C-alpha atoms as a PDB file:
ATOM      1  CA  MET A   1     -17.447  -7.926 -33.764  1.00  0.00           C
ATOM      2  CA  LYS A   2     -17.486  -4.293 -32.682  1.00  0.00           C
ATOM      3  CA  THR A   3     -15.043  -3.405 -29.947  1.00  0.00           C
ATOM      4  CA  LEU A   4     -15.564  -0.934 -27.144  1.00  0.00           C
ATOM      5  CA  SER A   5     -13.561   2.273 -27.081  1.00  0.00           C
ATOM      6  CA  THR A   6     -11.186   3.237 -24.273  1.00  0.00           C
ATOM      7  CA  ASN A   7     -13.741   5.722 -22.952  1.00  0.00           C
ATOM      8  CA  GLN A   8     -16.460   3.073 -22.960  1.00  0.00           C
ATOM      9  CA  ILE A   9     -14.186   0.655 -21.098  1.00  0.00           C
ATOM     10  CA  GLN A  10     -13.590   3.382 -18.521  1.00  0.00           C
ATOM     11  CA  GLU A  11     -17.356   3.891 -18.246  1.00  0.00           C
ATOM     12  CA  ILE A  12     -17.743   0.184 -17.499  1.00  0.00           C
ATOM     13  CA  ARG A  13     -14.972   0.408 -14.904  1.00  0.00           C
ATOM     14  CA  GLU A  14     -16.717   3.328 -13.202  1.00  0.00           C
ATOM     15  CA  PHE A  15     -19.979   1.375 -13.238  1.00  0.00           C
ATOM     16  CA  VAL A  16     -18.282  -1.511 -11.419  1.00  0.00           C
ATOM     17  CA  ILE A  17     -16.752   0.855  -8.841  1.00  0.00           C
ATOM     18  CA  SER A  18     -20.168   2.440  -8.251  1.00  0.00           C
ATOM     19  CA  LYS A  19     -21.419  -0.949  -7.039  1.00  0.00           C
ATOM     20  CA  ASP A  20     -19.118  -0.857  -3.966  1.00  0.00           C
ATOM     21  CA  ILE A  21     -16.368  -2.994  -5.475  1.00  0.00           C
ATOM     22  CA  LYS A  22     -13.236  -1.725  -3.754  1.00  0.00           C
ATOM     23  CA  TYR A  23     -10.342  -3.934  -4.877  1.00  0.00           C
ATOM     24  CA  TYR A  24      -8.417  -3.208  -8.065  1.00  0.00           C
ATOM     25  CA  GLU A  25      -8.059  -6.867  -9.091  1.00  0.00           C
ATOM     26  CA  ILE A  26     -11.809  -7.510  -8.871  1.00  0.00           C
ATOM     27  CA  ILE A  27     -12.689  -4.208 -10.558  1.00  0.00           C
ATOM     28  CA  GLU A  28     -10.489  -5.098 -13.536  1.00  0.00           C
ATOM     29  CA  GLU A  29     -11.786  -8.669 -13.711  1.00  0.00           C
ATOM     30  CA  LEU A  30     -15.431  -7.554 -13.706  1.00  0.00           C
ATOM     31  CA  THR A  31     -14.699  -4.751 -16.175  1.00  0.00           C
ATOM     32  CA  ASP A  32     -13.099  -7.235 -18.559  1.00  0.00           C
ATOM     33  CA  HIS A  33     -15.976  -9.700 -18.107  1.00  0.00           C
ATOM     34  CA  LEU A  34     -18.662  -7.074 -18.773  1.00  0.00           C
ATOM     35  CA  ALA A  35     -16.796  -5.645 -21.762  1.00  0.00           C
ATOM     36  CA  SER A  36     -16.371  -9.096 -23.335  1.00  0.00           C
ATOM     37  CA  SER A  37     -20.010  -9.993 -22.704  1.00  0.00           C
ATOM     38  CA  ILE A  38     -21.272  -6.760 -24.286  1.00  0.00           C
ATOM     39  CA  GLU A  39     -18.924  -7.070 -27.277  1.00  0.00           C
ATOM     40  CA  GLU A  40     -20.051 -10.659 -27.916  1.00  0.00           C
ATOM     41  CA  LYS A  41     -23.641  -9.456 -28.303  1.00  0.00           C
ATOM     42  CA  ASN A  42     -22.443  -7.339 -31.230  1.00  0.00           C
ATOM     43  CA  THR A  43     -25.068  -4.687 -30.607  1.00  0.00           C
ATOM     44  CA  SER A  44     -25.114  -0.904 -30.573  1.00  0.00           C
ATOM     45  CA  TYR A  45     -23.226   0.708 -27.688  1.00  0.00           C
ATOM     46  CA  GLU A  46     -25.206   3.943 -27.803  1.00  0.00           C
ATOM     47  CA  ASN A  47     -27.035   3.090 -24.576  1.00  0.00           C
ATOM     48  CA  LEU A  48     -24.135   1.519 -22.718  1.00  0.00           C
ATOM     49  CA  GLU A  49     -25.658   2.265 -19.317  1.00  0.00           C
ATOM     50  CA  LYS A  50     -28.731   0.173 -20.149  1.00  0.00           C
ATOM     51  CA  LEU A  51     -26.579  -2.691 -21.430  1.00  0.00           C
ATOM     52  CA  LEU A  52     -24.526  -2.609 -18.231  1.00  0.00           C
ATOM     53  CA  GLN A  53     -27.638  -2.698 -16.083  1.00  0.00           C
ATOM     54  CA  LEU A  54     -28.932  -5.732 -17.974  1.00  0.00           C
ATOM     55  CA  GLU A  55     -25.602  -7.510 -17.498  1.00  0.00           C
ATOM     56  CA  TYR A  56     -25.588  -6.528 -13.833  1.00  0.00           C
ATOM     57  CA  GLU A  57     -28.993  -8.140 -13.289  1.00  0.00           C
ATOM     58  CA  ASN A  58     -27.562 -11.479 -14.421  1.00  0.00           C
ATOM     59  CA  PHE A  59     -25.269 -11.698 -11.374  1.00  0.00           C
ATOM     60  CA  GLY A  60     -27.919 -12.916  -8.912  1.00  0.00           C
ATOM     61  CA  SER A  61     -29.303 -11.488  -5.675  1.00  0.00           C
ATOM     62  CA  PHE A  62     -26.106  -9.970  -4.279  1.00  0.00           C
ATOM     63  CA  LYS A  63     -24.699  -9.034  -7.679  1.00  0.00           C
ATOM     64  CA  PHE A  64     -21.021  -8.025  -7.642  1.00  0.00           C
ATOM     65  CA  LEU A  65     -20.699  -8.074  -3.847  1.00  0.00           C
ATOM     66  CA  SER A  66     -21.070 -11.855  -3.710  1.00  0.00           C
ATOM     67  CA  ILE A  67     -18.181 -12.147  -6.170  1.00  0.00           C
ATOM     68  CA  GLN A  68     -16.048  -9.797  -4.086  1.00  0.00           C
ATOM     69  CA  GLU A  69     -16.750 -11.718  -0.868  1.00  0.00           C
ATOM     70  CA  ASP A  70     -15.981 -15.027  -2.581  1.00  0.00           C
ATOM     71  CA  LYS A  71     -12.683 -13.663  -3.925  1.00  0.00           C
ATOM     72  CA  GLU A  72     -11.747 -12.413  -0.436  1.00  0.00           C
ATOM     73  CA  ARG A  73     -12.444 -15.826   1.111  1.00  0.00           C
ATOM     74  CA  ARG A  74     -10.602 -17.730  -1.589  1.00  0.00           C
ATOM     75  CA  LYS A  75      -7.492 -15.547  -1.470  1.00  0.00           C
ATOM     76  CA  PHE A  76      -7.332 -15.631   2.324  1.00  0.00           C
ATOM     77  CA  ARG A  77      -7.806 -19.418   2.292  1.00  0.00           C
ATOM     78  CA  GLU A  78      -4.961 -19.704  -0.224  1.00  0.00           C
ATOM     79  CA  TYR A  79      -2.579 -17.732   2.001  1.00  0.00           C
ATOM     80  CA  LYS A  80      -3.702 -19.538   5.173  1.00  0.00           C
ATOM     81  CA  THR A  81      -2.920 -22.834   3.469  1.00  0.00           C
ATOM     82  CA  LEU A  82       0.533 -21.528   2.531  1.00  0.00           C
ATOM     83  CA  PHE A  83       1.085 -20.542   6.161  1.00  0.00           C
ATOM     84  CA  PHE A  84      -0.030 -23.859   7.675  1.00  0.00           C
ATOM     85  CA  ASP A  85       1.887 -25.887   5.077  1.00  0.00           C
ATOM     86  CA  GLY A  86       4.984 -23.807   5.817  1.00  0.00           C
ATOM     87  CA  VAL A  87       4.744 -24.481   9.560  1.00  0.00           C
ATOM     88  CA  LYS A  88       3.725 -28.117   9.124  1.00  0.00           C
ATOM     89  CA  ILE A  89       6.873 -28.958   7.173  1.00  0.00           C
ATOM     90  CA  PHE A  90       8.939 -28.330  10.327  1.00  0.00           C
ATOM     91  CA  PHE A  91       7.065 -31.184  12.039  1.00  0.00           C
ATOM     92  CA  THR A  92       7.816 -33.766   9.356  1.00  0.00           C
ATOM     93  CA  LEU A  93      11.056 -35.598   8.631  1.00  0.00           C
ATOM     94  CA  PRO A  94      13.812 -34.537   8.362  1.00  0.00           C
ATOM     95  CA  LEU A  95      13.128 -31.047   9.764  1.00  0.00           C
ATOM     96  CA  ILE A  96      11.314 -32.352  12.841  1.00  0.00           C
ATOM     97  CA  ILE A  97      14.705 -33.366  14.262  1.00  0.00           C
ATOM     98  CA  THR A  98      15.840 -29.732  14.075  1.00  0.00           C
ATOM     99  CA  THR A  99      12.518 -28.600  15.571  1.00  0.00           C
ATOM    100  CA  ILE A 100      12.868 -30.972  18.531  1.00  0.00           C
ATOM    101  CA  ALA A 101      16.446 -29.794  19.079  1.00  0.00           C
ATOM    102  CA  ILE A 102      15.251 -26.165  19.117  1.00  0.00           C
ATOM    103  CA  ILE A 103      12.470 -27.008  21.603  1.00  0.00           C
ATOM    104  CA  LEU A 104      14.909 -28.757  23.930  1.00  0.00           C
ATOM    105  CA  LEU A 105      17.420 -25.904  23.685  1.00  0.00           C
ATOM    106  CA  ILE A 106      14.721 -23.331  24.486  1.00  0.00           C
ATOM    107  CA  THR A 107      13.470 -25.516  27.364  1.00  0.00           C
ATOM    108  CA  LEU A 108      16.918 -25.561  28.949  1.00  0.00           C
ATOM    109  CA  THR A 109      17.365 -21.821  28.326  1.00  0.00           C
ATOM    110  CA  LEU A 110      14.001 -20.995  29.939  1.00  0.00           C
ATOM    111  CA  ASN A 111      14.807 -23.273  32.858  1.00  0.00           C
ATOM    112  CA  LEU A 112      18.207 -21.654  33.370  1.00  0.00           C
ATOM    113  CA  LEU A 113      16.829 -18.115  33.130  1.00  0.00           C
ATOM    114  CA  GLY A 114      13.900 -18.995  35.394  1.00  0.00           C
ATOM    115  CA  SER A 115      16.209 -20.253  38.122  1.00  0.00           C
ATOM    116  CA  PHE A 116      18.498 -17.242  37.730  1.00  0.00           C
ATOM    117  CA  ASN A 117      15.978 -14.418  37.260  1.00  0.00           C
ATOM    118  CA  PRO A 118      12.293 -14.935  36.274  1.00  0.00           C
ATOM    119  CA  ILE A 119      12.190 -11.530  34.564  1.00  0.00           C
ATOM    120  CA  PHE A 120      14.693 -12.667  31.927  1.00  0.00           C
ATOM    121  CA  SER A 121      12.630 -15.776  31.336  1.00  0.00           C
ATOM    122  CA  MET A 122       9.440 -13.740  30.844  1.00  0.00           C
ATOM    123  CA  LEU A 123      11.204 -11.332  28.469  1.00  0.00           C
ATOM    124  CA  LEU A 124      12.450 -14.233  26.374  1.00  0.00           C
ATOM    125  CA  MET A 125       8.972 -15.778  26.230  1.00  0.00           C
ATOM    126  CA  MET A 126       7.393 -12.517  25.073  1.00  0.00           C
ATOM    127  CA  SER A 127      10.044 -11.737  22.441  1.00  0.00           C
ATOM    128  CA  PRO A 128       8.409 -13.652  19.521  1.00  0.00           C
ATOM    129  CA  ILE A 129       5.124 -11.768  19.904  1.00  0.00           C
ATOM    130  CA  VAL A 130       6.961  -8.432  20.126  1.00  0.00           C
ATOM    131  CA  LEU A 131       9.072  -9.334  17.080  1.00  0.00           C
ATOM    132  CA  PHE A 132       5.992 -10.439  15.135  1.00  0.00           C
ATOM    133  CA  SER A 133       4.237  -7.156  15.951  1.00  0.00           C
ATOM    134  CA  CYS A 134       7.292  -5.157  14.837  1.00  0.00           C
ATOM    135  CA  ILE A 135       7.430  -7.040  11.526  1.00  0.00           C
ATOM    136  CA  TYR A 136       3.730  -6.363  10.951  1.00  0.00           C
ATOM    137  CA  LEU A 137       4.185  -2.655  11.687  1.00  0.00           C
ATOM    138  CA  LYS A 138       7.307  -2.417   9.500  1.00  0.00           C
ATOM    139  CA  ASP A 139       5.503  -4.084   6.580  1.00  0.00           C
ATOM    140  CA  PHE A 140       2.560  -1.733   6.981  1.00  0.00           C
ATOM    141  CA  LEU A 141       4.709   1.412   7.088  1.00  0.00           C
ATOM    142  CA  SER A 142       7.125   0.431   4.322  1.00  0.00           C
ATOM    143  CA  LYS A 143       4.763  -1.140   1.799  1.00  0.00           C
ATOM    144  CA  LYS A 144       4.727   0.442  -1.624  1.00  0.00           C
ATOM    145  CA  ARG A 145       1.772   2.793  -1.911  1.00  0.00           C
ATOM    146  CA  THR A 146      -0.530   2.543  -4.914  1.00  0.00           C
ATOM    147  CA  LYS A 147      -3.394   4.694  -6.093  1.00  0.00           C
ATOM    148  CA  VAL A 148      -5.694   1.681  -5.882  1.00  0.00           C
ATOM    149  CA  LYS A 149      -6.765  -0.662  -3.118  1.00  0.00           C
ATOM    150  CA  LEU A 150      -5.477  -4.203  -3.596  1.00  0.00           C
ATOM    151  CA  LEU A 151      -7.131  -7.393  -2.420  1.00  0.00           C
ATOM    152  CA  LEU A 152      -3.612  -8.825  -2.237  1.00  0.00           C
ATOM    153  CA  ASP A 153      -2.579  -6.231   0.379  1.00  0.00           C
ATOM    154  CA  ARG A 154      -5.660  -6.999   2.450  1.00  0.00           C
ATOM    155  CA  THR A 155      -4.970 -10.736   2.210  1.00  0.00           C
ATOM    156  CA  TYR A 156      -1.334 -10.395   3.282  1.00  0.00           C
ATOM    157  CA  GLN A 157      -2.227  -8.192   6.255  1.00  0.00           C
ATOM    158  CA  SER A 158      -4.981 -10.623   7.289  1.00  0.00           C
ATOM    159  CA  THR A 159      -2.598 -13.580   7.023  1.00  0.00           C
ATOM    160  CA  VAL A 160       0.072 -11.912   9.174  1.00  0.00           C
ATOM    161  CA  THR A 161      -2.597 -10.965  11.725  1.00  0.00           C
ATOM    162  CA  PHE A 162      -3.940 -14.523  11.652  1.00  0.00           C
ATOM    163  CA  ALA A 163      -0.457 -15.972  12.219  1.00  0.00           C
ATOM    164  CA  LEU A 164       0.111 -13.566  15.109  1.00  0.00           C
ATOM    165  CA  ILE A 165      -3.233 -14.453  16.718  1.00  0.00           C
ATOM    166  CA  ILE A 166      -2.639 -18.199  16.338  1.00  0.00           C
ATOM    167  CA  SER A 167       0.785 -17.875  17.968  1.00  0.00           C
ATOM    168  CA  SER A 168      -0.562 -15.653  20.745  1.00  0.00           C
ATOM    169  CA  ILE A 169      -3.517 -17.927  21.559  1.00  0.00           C
ATOM    170  CA  TYR A 170      -1.415 -21.084  21.665  1.00  0.00           C
ATOM    171  CA  TYR A 171       1.401 -19.437  23.543  1.00  0.00           C
ATOM    172  CA  GLY A 172      -0.966 -17.688  25.959  1.00  0.00           C
ATOM    173  CA  GLY A 173      -2.838 -20.926  26.597  1.00  0.00           C
ATOM    174  CA  LEU A 174       0.358 -22.677  27.631  1.00  0.00           C
ATOM    175  CA  ARG A 175       1.251 -19.817  29.975  1.00  0.00           C
ATOM    176  CA  GLU A 176      -2.190 -19.962  31.600  1.00  0.00           C
ATOM    177  CA  ALA A 177      -1.865 -23.733  31.993  1.00  0.00           C
ATOM    178  CA  ARG A 178       1.431 -23.174  33.794  1.00  0.00           C
ATOM    179  CA  LYS A 179      -0.305 -20.781  36.209  1.00  0.00           C
ATOM    180  CA  LEU A 180      -3.274 -23.130  36.669  1.00  0.00           C
ATOM    181  CA  PHE A 181      -1.057 -26.015  37.717  1.00  0.00           C
ATOM    182  CA  GLU A 182       1.180 -23.670  39.733  1.00  0.00           C
ATOM    183  CA  LEU A 183       4.340 -24.584  37.892  1.00  0.00           C
ATOM    184  CA  SER A 184       7.313 -22.292  38.461  1.00  0.00           C
ATOM    185  CA  LEU A 185       9.527 -20.749  35.798  1.00  0.00           C
ATOM    186  CA  ASP A 186      12.336 -23.105  36.757  1.00  0.00           C
ATOM    187  CA  ASP A 187      10.133 -26.206  36.377  1.00  0.00           C
ATOM    188  CA  LEU A 188      11.508 -28.298  33.499  1.00  0.00           C
ATOM    189  CA  LYS A 189       8.117 -29.746  32.506  1.00  0.00           C
ATOM    190  CA  ALA A 190       6.431 -26.318  32.401  1.00  0.00           C
ATOM    191  CA  ASN A 191       9.269 -24.844  30.393  1.00  0.00           C
ATOM    192  CA  PHE A 192       9.097 -27.711  27.913  1.00  0.00           C
ATOM    193  CA  PHE A 193       5.501 -26.829  27.020  1.00  0.00           C
ATOM    194  CA  LEU A 194       6.332 -23.130  26.954  1.00  0.00           C
ATOM    195  CA  ALA A 195       9.231 -23.927  24.625  1.00  0.00           C
ATOM    196  CA  ILE A 196       6.802 -25.625  22.222  1.00  0.00           C
ATOM    197  CA  GLY A 197       4.724 -22.441  22.084  1.00  0.00           C
ATOM    198  CA  TYR A 198       7.847 -20.317  21.729  1.00  0.00           C
ATOM    199  CA  THR A 199       9.113 -22.502  18.868  1.00  0.00           C
ATOM    200  CA  ILE A 200       5.789 -22.348  17.027  1.00  0.00           C
ATOM    201  CA  SER A 201       5.877 -18.554  17.325  1.00  0.00           C
ATOM    202  CA  ILE A 202       9.409 -18.438  15.902  1.00  0.00           C
ATOM    203  CA  LEU A 203       8.464 -20.826  13.080  1.00  0.00           C
ATOM    204  CA  SER A 204       5.414 -18.680  12.303  1.00  0.00           C
ATOM    205  CA  ILE A 205       7.642 -15.624  11.955  1.00  0.00           C
ATOM    206  CA  TYR A 206      10.029 -17.571   9.721  1.00  0.00           C
ATOM    207  CA  VAL A 207       7.199 -18.791   7.454  1.00  0.00           C
ATOM    208  CA  VAL A 208       5.762 -15.281   7.131  1.00  0.00           C
ATOM    209  CA  LEU A 209       9.187 -13.835   6.238  1.00  0.00           C
ATOM    210  CA  LYS A 210      10.525 -16.627   4.017  1.00  0.00           C
ATOM    211  CA  VAL A 211       7.375 -18.104   2.450  1.00  0.00           C
ATOM    212  CA  ILE A 212       4.407 -15.734   2.600  1.00  0.00           C
ATOM    213  CA  ARG A 213       6.162 -12.395   2.087  1.00  0.00           C
ATOM    214  CA  PRO A 214       8.157 -13.413  -1.065  1.00  0.00           C
ATOM    215  CA  ILE A 215       4.995 -14.791  -2.708  1.00  0.00           C
ATOM    216  CA  TYR A 216       3.068 -11.651  -1.781  1.00  0.00           C
ATOM    217  CA  THR A 217       5.850  -9.375  -3.064  1.00  0.00           C
ATOM    218  CA  LYS A 218       6.093 -11.204  -6.394  1.00  0.00           C
ATOM    219  CA  GLU A 219       2.326 -11.161  -6.914  1.00  0.00           C
ATOM    220  CA  LYS A 220       2.144  -7.473  -6.054  1.00  0.00           C
ATOM    221  CA  GLU A 221       4.897  -6.549  -8.511  1.00  0.00           C
ATOM    222  CA  ILE A 222       2.907  -8.251 -11.286  1.00  0.00           C
ATOM    223  CA  ILE A 223      -0.307  -6.445 -10.327  1.00  0.00           C
ATOM    224  CA  ILE A 224       1.344  -3.023 -10.000  1.00  0.00           C
ATOM    225  CA  LYS A 225       2.587  -3.272 -13.604  1.00  0.00           C
ATOM    226  CA  THR A 226      -1.046  -3.415 -14.750  1.00  0.00           C
ATOM    227  CA  VAL A 227      -2.298  -0.532 -12.613  1.00  0.00           C
ATOM    228  CA  ILE A 228      -3.624   2.361 -14.633  1.00  0.00           C
ATOM    229  CA  GLU A 229      -2.039   5.490 -13.216  1.00  0.00           C
END
């Protein structure tokens, strides 16, 4: 079986990029697939462009873009599952006991601050969202730059954003419910529900830092080693 030269492999790579494939991982996967398929045919590579076009036509109506979109969905679903599983574990035995203790402690703290000065209570309630936003910004500014665009980077950023939105929606909903039922910041029942939202926000931050980020970092280190500079 005749093998493709380095220059021919690069030509295939450029062909893939020309079809609006933007992520390094998918570009390399498609390049490898096309190269293997062409080599298996054991034909002349003189008209490589024609061979590539024939292979391209075999990918269906949306060609490479459908593969890219599917990869994006799958990777995001994988990281979302990691996030939800990481949070869920705190609501199963034995960790649920610790979670309940945290909720009760935050409830009493919110109640105490609310009776002393409502501003302190509001600042405490907003702190997880502010902290989450700072972590997101820090990750964005400090991430290792590469000459290529990674699907992994996009997935991690989307997962952190998703976690932040989930926390904000749940937390915001509880705050609006408190206003709707006209419960004060020193009302124990209102603060209990707010403490649940606060705890979920804190757990979300913990899962992102201790579960999602290490997996992302390890995967990225592996990918970066393969990047063609």
